[in-house]
PDB file of all heavy atoms in Angstrom:
ATOM      1  N   THR A   1      89.031  97.695  99.739  1.00  0.00           N
ATOM      2  CA  THR A   1      89.033  96.626  98.735  1.00  0.00           C
ATOM      3  C   THR A   1      88.027  96.992  97.641  1.00  0.00           C
ATOM      4  O   THR A   1      88.399  97.443  96.567  1.00  0.00           O
ATOM      5  CB  THR A   1      88.698  95.260  99.362  1.00  0.00           C
ATOM      6  OG1 THR A   1      87.476  95.370 100.120  1.00  0.00           O
ATOM      7  CG2 THR A   1      89.796  94.813 100.295  1.00  0.00           C
ATOM      8  N   VAL A   2      86.751  96.823  97.950  1.00  0.00           N
ATOM      9  CA  VAL A   2      85.697  97.119  96.979  1.00  0.00           C
ATOM     10  C   VAL A   2      85.665  98.617  96.650  1.00  0.00           C
ATOM     11  O   VAL A   2      85.493  99.003  95.490  1.00  0.00           O
ATOM     12  CB  VAL A   2      84.327  96.665  97.516  1.00  0.00           C
ATOM     13  CG1 VAL A   2      83.212  97.006  96.521  1.00  0.00           C
ATOM     14  CG2 VAL A   2      84.334  95.168  97.797  1.00  0.00           C
ATOM     15  N   GLY A   3      85.836  99.474  97.678  1.00  0.00           N
ATOM     16  CA  GLY A   3      85.797 100.916  97.461  1.00  0.00           C
ATOM     17  C   GLY A   3      86.876 101.382  96.499  1.00  0.00           C
ATOM     18  O   GLY A   3      86.620 102.184  95.595  1.00  0.00           O
ATOM     19  N   ILE A   4      88.098 100.877  96.680  1.00  0.00           N
ATOM     20  CA  ILE A   4      89.205 101.231  95.790  1.00  0.00           C
ATOM     21  C   ILE A   4      88.930 100.736  94.374  1.00  0.00           C
ATOM     22  O   ILE A   4      89.169 101.433  93.384  1.00  0.00           O
ATOM     23  CB  ILE A   4      90.529 100.639  96.325  1.00  0.00           C
ATOM     24  CG1 ILE A   4      90.979 101.381  97.585  1.00  0.00           C
ATOM     25  CG2 ILE A   4      91.613 100.686  95.254  1.00  0.00           C
ATOM     26  CD1 ILE A   4      91.423 102.798  97.341  1.00  0.00           C
ATOM     27  N   LYS A   5      88.398  99.526  94.274  1.00  0.00           N
ATOM     28  CA  LYS A   5      88.102  98.950  92.960  1.00  0.00           C
ATOM     29  C   LYS A   5      87.054  99.783  92.219  1.00  0.00           C
ATOM     30  O   LYS A   5      87.182 100.049  91.017  1.00  0.00           O
ATOM     31  CB  LYS A   5      87.604  97.519  93.149  1.00  0.00           C
ATOM     32  CG  LYS A   5      87.304  96.784  91.847  1.00  0.00           C
ATOM     33  CD  LYS A   5      88.556  96.538  91.051  1.00  0.00           C
ATOM     34  CE  LYS A   5      88.268  95.716  89.796  1.00  0.00           C
ATOM     35  NZ  LYS A   5      89.487  95.526  88.973  1.00  0.00           N
ATOM     36  N   LEU A   6      86.009 100.222  92.929  1.00  0.00           N
ATOM     37  CA  LEU A   6      84.934 100.975  92.292  1.00  0.00           C
ATOM     38  C   LEU A   6      85.372 102.377  91.869  1.00  0.00           C
ATOM     39  O   LEU A   6      84.980 102.863  90.806  1.00  0.00           O
ATOM     40  CB  LEU A   6      83.732 101.077  93.232  1.00  0.00           C
ATOM     41  CG  LEU A   6      82.931  99.790  93.470  1.00  0.00           C
ATOM     42  CD1 LEU A   6      81.865 100.014  94.531  1.00  0.00           C
ATOM     43  CD2 LEU A   6      82.296  99.299  92.171  1.00  0.00           C
ATOM     44  N   THR A   7      86.152 103.039  92.701  1.00  0.00           N
ATOM     45  CA  THR A   7      86.503 104.437  92.422  1.00  0.00           C
ATOM     46  C   THR A   7      87.716 104.597  91.518  1.00  0.00           C
ATOM     47  O   THR A   7      87.896 105.652  90.904  1.00  0.00           O
ATOM     48  CB  THR A   7      86.771 105.208  93.733  1.00  0.00           C
ATOM     49  OG1 THR A   7      87.754 104.499  94.515  1.00  0.00           O
ATOM     50  CG2 THR A   7      85.495 105.345  94.541  1.00  0.00           C
ATOM     51  N   SER A   8      88.554 103.559  91.423  1.00  0.00           N
ATOM     52  CA  SER A   8      89.767 103.717  90.622  1.00  0.00           C
ATOM     53  C   SER A   8      90.063 102.544  89.700  1.00  0.00           C
ATOM     54  O   SER A   8      90.817 102.681  88.739  1.00  0.00           O
ATOM     55  CB  SER A   8      90.978 103.918  91.550  1.00  0.00           C
ATOM     56  OG  SER A   8      91.236 102.742  92.297  1.00  0.00           O
ATOM     57  N   GLY A   9      89.510 101.372  90.005  1.00  0.00           N
ATOM     58  CA  GLY A   9      89.817 100.193  89.210  1.00  0.00           C
ATOM     59  C   GLY A   9      91.157  99.582  89.554  1.00  0.00           C
ATOM     60  O   GLY A   9      91.599  98.616  88.911  1.00  0.00           O
ATOM     61  N   GLU A  10      91.829 100.113  90.575  1.00  0.00           N
ATOM     62  CA  GLU A  10      93.148  99.598  90.961  1.00  0.00           C
ATOM     63  C   GLU A  10      93.026  98.252  91.684  1.00  0.00           C
ATOM     64  O   GLU A  10      91.999  97.936  92.271  1.00  0.00           O
ATOM     65  CB  GLU A  10      93.853 100.588  91.901  1.00  0.00           C
ATOM     66  CG  GLU A  10      94.202 101.912  91.258  1.00  0.00           C
ATOM     67  CD  GLU A  10      94.886 102.841  92.248  1.00  0.00           C
ATOM     68  OE1 GLU A  10      95.113 102.418  93.400  1.00  0.00           O
ATOM     69  OE2 GLU A  10      95.175 103.980  91.870  1.00  0.00           O
ATOM     70  N   ARG A  11      94.075  97.489  91.621  1.00  0.00           N
ATOM     71  CA  ARG A  11      94.141  96.257  92.394  1.00  0.00           C
ATOM     72  C   ARG A  11      94.329  96.588  93.875  1.00  0.00           C
ATOM     73  O   ARG A  11      94.959  97.571  94.219  1.00  0.00           O
ATOM     74  CB  ARG A  11      95.299  95.375  91.919  1.00  0.00           C
ATOM     75  CG  ARG A  11      95.084  94.798  90.526  1.00  0.00           C
ATOM     76  CD  ARG A  11      96.222  93.861  90.174  1.00  0.00           C
ATOM     77  NE  ARG A  11      96.007  93.245  88.871  1.00  0.00           N
ATOM     78  CZ  ARG A  11      96.840  92.352  88.337  1.00  0.00           C
ATOM     79  NH1 ARG A  11      97.949  91.998  88.990  1.00  0.00           N
ATOM     80  NH2 ARG A  11      96.575  91.838  87.151  1.00  0.00           N
ATOM     81  N   PHE A  12      93.794  95.713  94.696  1.00  0.00           N
ATOM     82  CA  PHE A  12      93.871  95.959  96.137  1.00  0.00           C
ATOM     83  C   PHE A  12      95.271  95.691  96.669  1.00  0.00           C
ATOM     84  O   PHE A  12      95.919  94.728  96.284  1.00  0.00           O
ATOM     85  CB  PHE A  12      92.859  95.074  96.867  1.00  0.00           C
ATOM     86  CG  PHE A  12      93.030  95.073  98.357  1.00  0.00           C
ATOM     87  CD1 PHE A  12      92.843  96.232  99.079  1.00  0.00           C
ATOM     88  CD2 PHE A  12      93.410  93.921  99.026  1.00  0.00           C
ATOM     89  CE1 PHE A  12      93.005  96.244 100.455  1.00  0.00           C
ATOM     90  CE2 PHE A  12      93.566  93.921 100.394  1.00  0.00           C
ATOM     91  CZ  PHE A  12      93.360  95.081 101.101  1.00  0.00           C
ATOM     92  N   ASN A  13      95.702  96.575  97.559  1.00  0.00           N
ATOM     93  CA  ASN A  13      96.977  96.422  98.248  1.00  0.00           C
ATOM     94  C   ASN A  13      96.691  96.332  99.739  1.00  0.00           C
ATOM     95  O   ASN A  13      96.112  97.247 100.324  1.00  0.00           O
ATOM     96  CB  ASN A  13      97.884  97.633  97.948  1.00  0.00           C
ATOM     97  CG  ASN A  13      99.271  97.466  98.537  1.00  0.00           C
ATOM     98  OD1 ASN A  13      99.487  96.681  99.458  1.00  0.00           O
ATOM     99  ND2 ASN A  13     100.221  98.206  98.002  1.00  0.00           N
ATOM    100  N   TRP A  14      97.099  95.227 100.370  1.00  0.00           N
ATOM    101  CA  TRP A  14      96.798  95.020 101.795  1.00  0.00           C
ATOM    102  C   TRP A  14      97.359  96.131 102.677  1.00  0.00           C
ATOM    103  O   TRP A  14      96.834  96.395 103.754  1.00  0.00           O
ATOM    104  CB  TRP A  14      97.343  93.665 102.262  1.00  0.00           C
ATOM    105  CG  TRP A  14      96.508  92.526 101.808  1.00  0.00           C
ATOM    106  CD1 TRP A  14      96.745  91.689 100.756  1.00  0.00           C
ATOM    107  CD2 TRP A  14      95.264  92.094 102.375  1.00  0.00           C
ATOM    108  NE1 TRP A  14      95.731  90.774 100.632  1.00  0.00           N
ATOM    109  CE2 TRP A  14      94.808  90.991 101.617  1.00  0.00           C
ATOM    110  CE3 TRP A  14      94.486  92.548 103.452  1.00  0.00           C
ATOM    111  CZ2 TRP A  14      93.613  90.330 101.898  1.00  0.00           C
ATOM    112  CZ3 TRP A  14      93.306  91.879 103.735  1.00  0.00           C
ATOM    113  CH2 TRP A  14      92.884  90.797 102.962  1.00  0.00           C
ATOM    114  N   HIS A  15      98.408  96.793 102.219  1.00  0.00           N
ATOM    115  CA  HIS A  15      98.996  97.869 103.018  1.00  0.00           C
ATOM    116  C   HIS A  15      98.021  99.033 103.214  1.00  0.00           C
ATOM    117  O   HIS A  15      98.136  99.794 104.172  1.00  0.00           O
ATOM    118  CB  HIS A  15     100.282  98.381 102.357  1.00  0.00           C
ATOM    119  CG  HIS A  15     101.390  97.374 102.337  1.00  0.00           C
ATOM    120  ND1 HIS A  15     102.006  96.920 103.481  1.00  0.00           N
ATOM    121  CD2 HIS A  15     101.990  96.715 101.310  1.00  0.00           C
ATOM    122  CE1 HIS A  15     102.944  96.040 103.169  1.00  0.00           C
ATOM    123  NE2 HIS A  15     102.950  95.894 101.857  1.00  0.00           N
ATOM    124  N   LYS A  16      97.043  99.171 102.306  1.00  0.00           N
ATOM    125  CA  LYS A  16      96.085 100.267 102.411  1.00  0.00           C
ATOM    126  C   LYS A  16      95.114 100.070 103.570  1.00  0.00           C
ATOM    127  O   LYS A  16      94.414 101.019 103.952  1.00  0.00           O
ATOM    128  CB  LYS A  16      95.326 100.421 101.093  1.00  0.00           C
ATOM    129  CG  LYS A  16      96.215 100.929  99.963  1.00  0.00           C
ATOM    130  CD  LYS A  16      95.434 101.173  98.691  1.00  0.00           C
ATOM    131  CE  LYS A  16      96.348 101.732  97.598  1.00  0.00           C
ATOM    132  NZ  LYS A  16      95.626 101.990  96.338  1.00  0.00           N
ATOM    133  N   LEU A  17      95.048  98.849 104.097  1.00  0.00           N
ATOM    134  CA  LEU A  17      94.200  98.613 105.266  1.00  0.00           C
ATOM    135  C   LEU A  17      94.790  99.236 106.525  1.00  0.00           C
ATOM    136  O   LEU A  17      94.090  99.436 107.515  1.00  0.00           O
ATOM    137  CB  LEU A  17      94.001  97.105 105.496  1.00  0.00           C
ATOM    138  CG  LEU A  17      92.947  96.420 104.632  1.00  0.00           C
ATOM    139  CD1 LEU A  17      92.934  94.928 104.924  1.00  0.00           C
ATOM    140  CD2 LEU A  17      91.576  97.013 104.867  1.00  0.00           C
ATOM    141  N   ILE A  18      96.087  99.519 106.491  1.00  0.00           N
ATOM    142  CA  ILE A  18      96.742 100.122 107.648  1.00  0.00           C
ATOM    143  C   ILE A  18      96.581 101.640 107.541  1.00  0.00           C
ATOM    144  O   ILE A  18      97.268 102.306 106.774  1.00  0.00           O
ATOM    145  CB  ILE A  18      98.236  99.744 107.711  1.00  0.00           C
ATOM    146  CG1 ILE A  18      98.388  98.228 107.746  1.00  0.00           C
ATOM    147  CG2 ILE A  18      98.888 100.376 108.936  1.00  0.00           C
ATOM    148  CD1 ILE A  18      99.833  97.760 107.696  1.00  0.00           C
ATOM    149  N   SER A  19      95.638 102.164 108.299  1.00  0.00           N
ATOM    150  CA  SER A  19      95.357 103.600 108.317  1.00  0.00           C
ATOM    151  C   SER A  19      95.238 104.040 109.769  1.00  0.00           C
ATOM    152  O   SER A  19      95.116 103.201 110.670  1.00  0.00           O
ATOM    153  CB  SER A  19      94.054 103.887 107.569  1.00  0.00           C
ATOM    154  OG  SER A  19      92.947 103.342 108.277  1.00  0.00           O
ATOM    155  N   PRO A  20      95.278 105.342 110.034  1.00  0.00           N
ATOM    156  CA  PRO A  20      95.120 105.806 111.422  1.00  0.00           C
ATOM    157  C   PRO A  20      93.838 105.275 112.069  1.00  0.00           C
ATOM    158  O   PRO A  20      93.831 104.924 113.256  1.00  0.00           O
ATOM    159  CB  PRO A  20      95.098 107.330 111.266  1.00  0.00           C
ATOM    160  CG  PRO A  20      95.927 107.591 110.064  1.00  0.00           C
ATOM    161  CD  PRO A  20      95.620 106.463 109.127  1.00  0.00           C
ATOM    162  N   ALA A  21      92.746 105.191 111.302  1.00  0.00           N
ATOM    163  CA  ALA A  21      91.480 104.723 111.865  1.00  0.00           C
ATOM    164  C   ALA A  21      91.551 103.247 112.243  1.00  0.00           C
ATOM    165  O   ALA A  21      91.124 102.850 113.333  1.00  0.00           O
ATOM    166  CB  ALA A  21      90.342 104.960 110.878  1.00  0.00           C
ATOM    167  N   THR A  22      92.091 102.413 111.345  1.00  0.00           N
ATOM    168  CA  THR A  22      92.165 100.988 111.642  1.00  0.00           C
ATOM    169  C   THR A  22      93.162 100.701 112.764  1.00  0.00           C
ATOM    170  O   THR A  22      92.958  99.792 113.566  1.00  0.00           O
ATOM    171  CB  THR A  22      92.551 100.183 110.387  1.00  0.00           C
ATOM    172  OG1 THR A  22      93.778 100.698 109.848  1.00  0.00           O
ATOM    173  CG2 THR A  22      91.474 100.273 109.336  1.00  0.00           C
ATOM    174  N   VAL A  23      94.228 101.490 112.825  1.00  0.00           N
ATOM    175  CA  VAL A  23      95.188 101.341 113.934  1.00  0.00           C
ATOM    176  C   VAL A  23      94.510 101.689 115.254  1.00  0.00           C
ATOM    177  O   VAL A  23      94.697 101.005 116.263  1.00  0.00           O
ATOM    178  CB  VAL A  23      96.431 102.230 113.705  1.00  0.00           C
ATOM    179  CG1 VAL A  23      97.293 102.276 114.963  1.00  0.00           C
ATOM    180  CG2 VAL A  23      97.241 101.708 112.532  1.00  0.00           C
ATOM    181  N   GLY A  24      93.696 102.759 115.258  1.00  0.00           N
ATOM    182  CA  GLY A  24      92.970 103.138 116.470  1.00  0.00           C
ATOM    183  C   GLY A  24      92.018 102.058 116.928  1.00  0.00           C
ATOM    184  O   GLY A  24      91.922 101.748 118.124  1.00  0.00           O
ATOM    185  N   ILE A  25      91.310 101.428 115.973  1.00  0.00           N
ATOM    186  CA  ILE A  25      90.391 100.345 116.309  1.00  0.00           C
ATOM    187  C   ILE A  25      91.147  99.162 116.890  1.00  0.00           C
ATOM    188  O   ILE A  25      90.793  98.627 117.952  1.00  0.00           O
ATOM    189  CB  ILE A  25      89.599  99.896 115.065  1.00  0.00           C
ATOM    190  CG1 ILE A  25      88.666 101.010 114.591  1.00  0.00           C
ATOM    191  CG2 ILE A  25      88.792  98.633 115.352  1.00  0.00           C
ATOM    192  CD1 ILE A  25      88.044 100.745 113.234  1.00  0.00           C
ATOM    193  N   ALA A  26      92.205  98.729 116.194  1.00  0.00           N
ATOM    194  CA  ALA A  26      92.970  97.564 116.620  1.00  0.00           C
ATOM    195  C   ALA A  26      93.603  97.780 117.992  1.00  0.00           C
ATOM    196  O   ALA A  26      93.577  96.887 118.854  1.00  0.00           O
ATOM    197  CB  ALA A  26      94.052  97.243 115.586  1.00  0.00           C
ATOM    198  N   LEU A  27      94.170  98.962 118.218  1.00  0.00           N
ATOM    199  CA  LEU A  27      94.830  99.254 119.490  1.00  0.00           C
ATOM    200  C   LEU A  27      93.824  99.271 120.640  1.00  0.00           C
ATOM    201  O   LEU A  27      94.093  98.738 121.722  1.00  0.00           O
ATOM    202  CB  LEU A  27      95.561 100.591 119.398  1.00  0.00           C
ATOM    203  CG  LEU A  27      96.449 100.969 120.594  1.00  0.00           C
ATOM    204  CD1 LEU A  27      97.496  99.893 120.835  1.00  0.00           C
ATOM    205  CD2 LEU A  27      97.122 102.316 120.358  1.00  0.00           C
TER     206      LEU A  27
END
């Protein structure tokens, strides 16, 4: 969220929260 905004200025997309790392944590 904040990281994407700072490095690119792009709007946040909730789909970007789904990554191999977050899937590993959730599972």
